[in-house]
């Protein structure tokens, strides 16, 4: 029965509460990555594929300091995912919605620490303050990745989009080839799951763009856009039922 409800959410042709939560979290991830890349010296707190590539490049060039920043992000994300899994599994009698809200509250607190740390730390950031904020920010995104799994919309992540892009192109290609094969027959609509994937990816890009713009105009507020997106996700999660 649970599997059926998941499939129904992924295939629904209208926006659901799950869509709104995932969309807000995708925006938060893009925002967090843009902020971290510009303010934490070329590192991501959400996109671990990018961090892994940056780690390899830094090691290949012999830039050990740059490599250490990528390692800090990977460590923070791993710690957040570990903690998130523990919290999601804690109290098996709790509903999936309650576990989701628990994870989002903790993510919100961690992002608040990043925002306050950024506002209070001396600039530019180096040494312990820099690594501390990288670890905390990446930990928040690790928690978010588990929160998205709690919602469990198949193929719609909030922190990794390489596989999502592949699935988008597969869905669009199949829609087009179906039309060609049918000749003058009706056009096959884009599957709802593909539309959701496009939306999530677009919101990730939107989050990155919005934070970059805020960082350009009002740098002191750049750390708050991801936090506000998670506030929205948490507000919607109040009405969410798993």
Protein backbone atom coordinates (compact mmCIF):
# COMPACT_ATOMS: atom_id res chain seq x y z
CA UNK A 1 0.00 0.00 0.00
CA UNK A 2 2.86 2.33 0.80
CA UNK A 3 4.45 1.66 -2.62
CA UNK A 4 1.22 2.60 -4.32
CA UNK A 5 1.04 5.96 -2.51
CA UNK A 6 4.61 6.77 -3.57
CA UNK A 7 3.84 5.93 -7.20
CA UNK A 8 0.64 8.00 -7.07
CA UNK A 9 2.57 11.07 -5.79
CA UNK A 10 5.20 10.72 -8.50
CA UNK A 11 2.59 10.31 -11.23
CA UNK A 12 0.09 12.91 -10.05
CA UNK A 13 -0.73 15.57 -12.63
CA UNK A 14 -1.16 18.31 -10.02
CA UNK A 15 1.20 19.83 -7.50
CA UNK A 16 1.27 17.99 -4.19
CA UNK A 17 2.66 18.93 -0.79
CA UNK A 18 5.55 16.56 -1.50
CA UNK A 19 6.32 18.54 -4.67
CA UNK A 20 6.37 21.82 -2.76
CA UNK A 21 8.69 20.45 -0.10
CA UNK A 22 11.08 18.92 -2.62
CA UNK A 23 11.01 22.10 -4.70
CA UNK A 24 11.88 24.27 -1.71
CA UNK A 25 14.71 21.91 -0.75
CA UNK A 26 16.08 21.88 -4.30
CA UNK A 27 16.11 25.69 -4.20
CA UNK A 28 17.90 25.53 -0.83
CA UNK A 29 20.54 23.18 -2.23
CA UNK A 30 21.28 25.45 -5.19
CA UNK A 31 21.43 28.42 -2.85
CA UNK A 32 23.77 26.65 -0.43
CA UNK A 33 26.09 25.57 -3.25
CA UNK A 34 26.27 29.06 -4.75
CA UNK A 35 26.95 30.62 -1.36
CA UNK A 36 29.61 28.08 -0.42
CA UNK A 37 31.38 28.25 -3.78
CA UNK A 38 31.72 32.02 -3.63
CA UNK A 39 32.30 32.47 0.10
CA UNK A 40 34.12 29.28 1.13
CA UNK A 41 36.83 29.38 -1.57
CA UNK A 42 35.49 27.14 -4.35
CA UNK A 43 33.77 24.33 -2.49
CA UNK A 44 30.22 22.96 -2.59
CA UNK A 45 28.17 21.91 0.42
CA UNK A 46 25.49 20.04 -1.54
CA UNK A 47 26.98 18.84 -4.85
CA UNK A 48 29.29 16.07 -3.69
CA UNK A 49 30.00 14.97 -7.26
CA UNK A 50 31.46 18.41 -7.88
CA UNK A 51 33.41 18.25 -4.63
CA UNK A 52 34.87 14.89 -5.56
CA UNK A 53 36.01 16.29 -8.90
CA UNK A 54 37.47 19.37 -7.18
CA UNK A 55 39.26 17.09 -4.73
CA UNK A 56 40.85 15.12 -7.56
CA UNK A 57 41.88 18.27 -9.41
CA UNK A 58 43.39 19.78 -6.28
CA UNK A 59 45.33 16.61 -5.51
CA UNK A 60 46.51 16.37 -9.10
CA UNK A 61 47.80 19.94 -8.97
CA UNK A 62 49.35 19.44 -5.56
CA UNK A 63 47.05 22.05 -3.94
CA UNK A 64 46.61 20.38 -0.57
CA UNK A 65 44.80 23.31 1.06
CA UNK A 66 42.14 23.28 -1.66
CA UNK A 67 41.89 19.50 -1.32
CA UNK A 68 41.36 19.85 2.42
CA UNK A 69 38.34 22.09 1.85
CA UNK A 70 36.73 19.52 -0.44
CA UNK A 71 37.49 16.80 2.10
CA UNK A 72 35.85 18.89 4.83
CA UNK A 73 32.70 19.21 2.72
CA UNK A 74 32.65 15.48 1.98
CA UNK A 75 33.14 14.71 5.67
CA UNK A 76 30.40 17.12 6.73
CA UNK A 77 27.93 15.77 4.17
CA UNK A 78 28.69 12.19 5.22
CA UNK A 79 28.19 13.09 8.88
CA UNK A 80 24.88 14.78 8.07
CA UNK A 81 23.65 11.80 6.06
CA UNK A 82 24.69 9.46 8.89
CA UNK A 83 22.94 11.55 11.54
CA UNK A 84 19.90 11.97 9.30
CA UNK A 85 19.62 8.22 8.81
CA UNK A 86 19.85 7.65 12.55
CA UNK A 87 17.15 10.24 13.25
CA UNK A 88 14.92 8.96 10.44
CA UNK A 89 15.12 5.44 11.88
CA UNK A 90 14.70 6.60 15.47
CA UNK A 91 11.27 5.86 16.88
CA UNK A 92 9.77 3.44 14.39
CA UNK A 93 6.27 4.35 15.58
CA UNK A 94 6.66 7.93 14.31
CA UNK A 95 5.11 8.69 10.94
CA UNK A 96 7.23 9.50 7.91
CA UNK A 97 5.91 13.06 8.09
CA UNK A 98 7.05 13.41 11.71
CA UNK A 99 10.52 12.09 10.83
CA UNK A 100 10.69 14.50 7.90
CA UNK A 101 9.86 17.47 10.11
CA UNK A 102 12.48 16.34 12.63
CA UNK A 103 15.16 16.36 9.93
CA UNK A 104 14.09 19.72 8.52
CA UNK A 105 14.17 21.38 11.94
CA UNK A 106 17.74 20.19 12.50
CA UNK A 107 18.76 21.28 8.99
CA UNK A 108 17.26 24.69 9.70
CA UNK A 109 19.28 25.02 12.90
CA UNK A 110 22.50 24.11 11.11
CA UNK A 111 21.85 26.63 8.33
CA UNK A 112 21.12 29.23 10.98
CA UNK A 113 24.55 28.51 12.48
CA UNK A 114 26.10 29.04 9.04
CA UNK A 115 24.29 32.34 8.56
CA UNK A 116 25.23 33.60 12.02
CA UNK A 117 28.80 32.37 11.67
CA UNK A 118 29.13 34.13 8.34
CA UNK A 119 27.77 37.35 9.83
CA UNK A 120 29.99 37.30 12.92
CA UNK A 121 33.27 35.79 11.70
CA UNK A 122 36.08 38.06 10.48
CA UNK A 123 36.44 38.24 6.70
CA UNK A 124 37.88 36.84 4.57
CA UNK A 125 37.37 33.45 6.16
CA UNK A 126 40.36 31.19 6.75
CA UNK A 127 41.49 28.46 9.11
CA UNK A 128 39.09 27.13 11.79
CA UNK A 129 36.11 29.45 11.04
CA UNK A 130 36.21 28.51 7.36
CA UNK A 131 36.41 24.75 7.97
CA UNK A 132 33.80 24.95 10.69
CA UNK A 133 31.27 26.61 8.39
CA UNK A 134 32.06 24.20 5.54
CA UNK A 135 31.46 21.25 7.85
CA UNK A 136 28.21 22.66 9.26
CA UNK A 137 26.85 23.70 5.86
CA UNK A 138 27.66 20.33 4.27
CA UNK A 139 26.17 18.52 7.26
CA UNK A 140 22.91 20.43 6.71
CA UNK A 141 22.85 19.25 3.10
CA UNK A 142 23.56 15.67 4.14
CA UNK A 143 20.54 15.84 6.43
CA UNK A 144 18.52 17.28 3.57
CA UNK A 145 19.44 14.39 1.31
CA UNK A 146 18.00 11.97 3.86
CA UNK A 147 14.90 14.17 4.29
CA UNK A 148 14.28 13.93 0.55
CA UNK A 149 14.55 10.14 0.80
CA UNK A 150 11.94 10.26 3.55
CA UNK A 151 9.54 11.90 1.09
CA UNK A 152 10.67 9.32 -1.46
CA UNK A 153 9.53 10.76 -4.78
CA UNK A 154 11.37 8.37 -7.12
CA UNK A 155 14.03 10.00 -9.28
CA UNK A 156 13.59 13.48 -7.79
CA UNK A 157 16.50 14.35 -5.51
CA UNK A 158 17.28 17.71 -3.97
CA UNK A 159 21.09 17.59 -3.90
CA UNK A 160 22.32 15.52 -6.90
CA UNK A 161 21.20 16.24 -10.45
CA UNK A 162 23.50 14.31 -12.80
CA UNK A 163 21.28 11.23 -12.74
CA UNK A 164 18.22 13.47 -12.82
CA UNK A 165 19.40 15.11 -16.03
CA UNK A 166 19.86 11.65 -17.57
CA UNK A 167 16.32 10.69 -16.58
CA UNK A 168 14.92 13.98 -17.92
CA UNK A 169 16.51 13.38 -21.31
CA UNK A 170 15.31 9.77 -21.35
CA UNK A 171 11.75 10.89 -20.60
CA UNK A 172 11.78 13.64 -23.23
CA UNK A 173 13.36 11.38 -25.85
CA UNK A 174 10.76 8.68 -25.29
CA UNK A 175 7.96 11.23 -25.57
CA UNK A 176 9.34 12.47 -28.91
CA UNK A 177 10.10 9.01 -30.35
CA UNK A 178 6.62 7.85 -29.40
CA UNK A 179 5.14 10.71 -31.40
CA UNK A 180 7.33 9.91 -34.42
CA UNK A 181 6.40 6.24 -34.25
CA UNK A 182 2.70 7.09 -34.13
CA UNK A 183 2.88 9.36 -37.18
CA UNK A 184 -0.22 11.54 -37.09
CA UNK A 185 -1.38 10.01 -33.84
CA UNK A 186 -1.70 11.95 -30.61
CA UNK A 187 1.43 13.38 -29.06
CA UNK A 188 2.59 11.57 -25.98
CA UNK A 189 2.60 13.98 -23.07
CA UNK A 190 5.73 14.52 -21.01
CA UNK A 191 5.43 12.08 -18.10
CA UNK A 192 4.60 13.74 -14.76
CA UNK A 193 7.79 12.33 -13.24
CA UNK A 194 9.85 14.02 -15.97
CA UNK A 195 8.04 17.32 -15.40
CA UNK A 196 8.82 17.03 -11.68
CA UNK A 197 12.49 16.35 -12.42
CA UNK A 198 12.66 19.39 -14.71
CA UNK A 199 11.03 21.50 -12.01
CA UNK A 200 13.42 20.33 -9.29
CA UNK A 201 16.44 20.98 -11.46
CA UNK A 202 15.11 24.40 -12.45
CA UNK A 203 14.57 25.32 -8.81
CA UNK A 204 18.12 24.24 -7.97
CA UNK A 205 19.40 26.58 -10.70
CA UNK A 206 17.03 29.28 -9.48
CA UNK A 207 18.36 28.97 -5.95
CA UNK A 208 21.93 29.31 -7.16
CA UNK A 209 21.05 32.32 -9.34
CA UNK A 210 19.07 34.05 -6.59
CA UNK A 211 21.86 33.63 -4.06
CA UNK A 212 24.47 34.83 -6.51
CA UNK A 213 22.37 37.95 -7.13
CA UNK A 214 21.78 38.55 -3.43
CA UNK A 215 25.48 38.05 -2.80
CA UNK A 216 26.26 40.67 -5.41
CA UNK A 217 23.79 43.26 -4.11
CA UNK A 218 23.62 42.50 -0.37
CA UNK A 219 26.46 40.14 0.58
CA UNK A 220 25.46 40.07 4.25
CA UNK A 221 22.16 38.36 3.32
CA UNK A 222 23.57 35.73 0.96
CA UNK A 223 23.63 33.02 3.63
CA UNK A 224 19.94 33.47 4.43
CA UNK A 225 18.33 32.42 1.14
CA UNK A 226 18.89 28.69 1.71
CA UNK A 227 17.60 29.03 5.25
CA UNK A 228 14.42 30.78 4.10
CA UNK A 229 13.79 28.03 1.54
CA UNK A 230 14.00 25.40 4.29
CA UNK A 231 11.60 27.49 6.41
CA UNK A 232 9.12 27.25 3.53
CA UNK A 233 9.69 23.49 3.25
CA UNK A 234 9.10 23.07 6.98
CA UNK A 235 5.92 25.16 6.81
CA UNK A 236 4.54 22.97 4.02
CA UNK A 237 5.64 19.85 5.91
CA UNK A 238 3.23 20.78 8.71
CA UNK A 239 0.38 19.76 6.39
CA UNK A 240 2.23 16.83 4.81
CA UNK A 241 1.09 13.27 5.41
CA UNK A 242 3.28 10.32 4.40
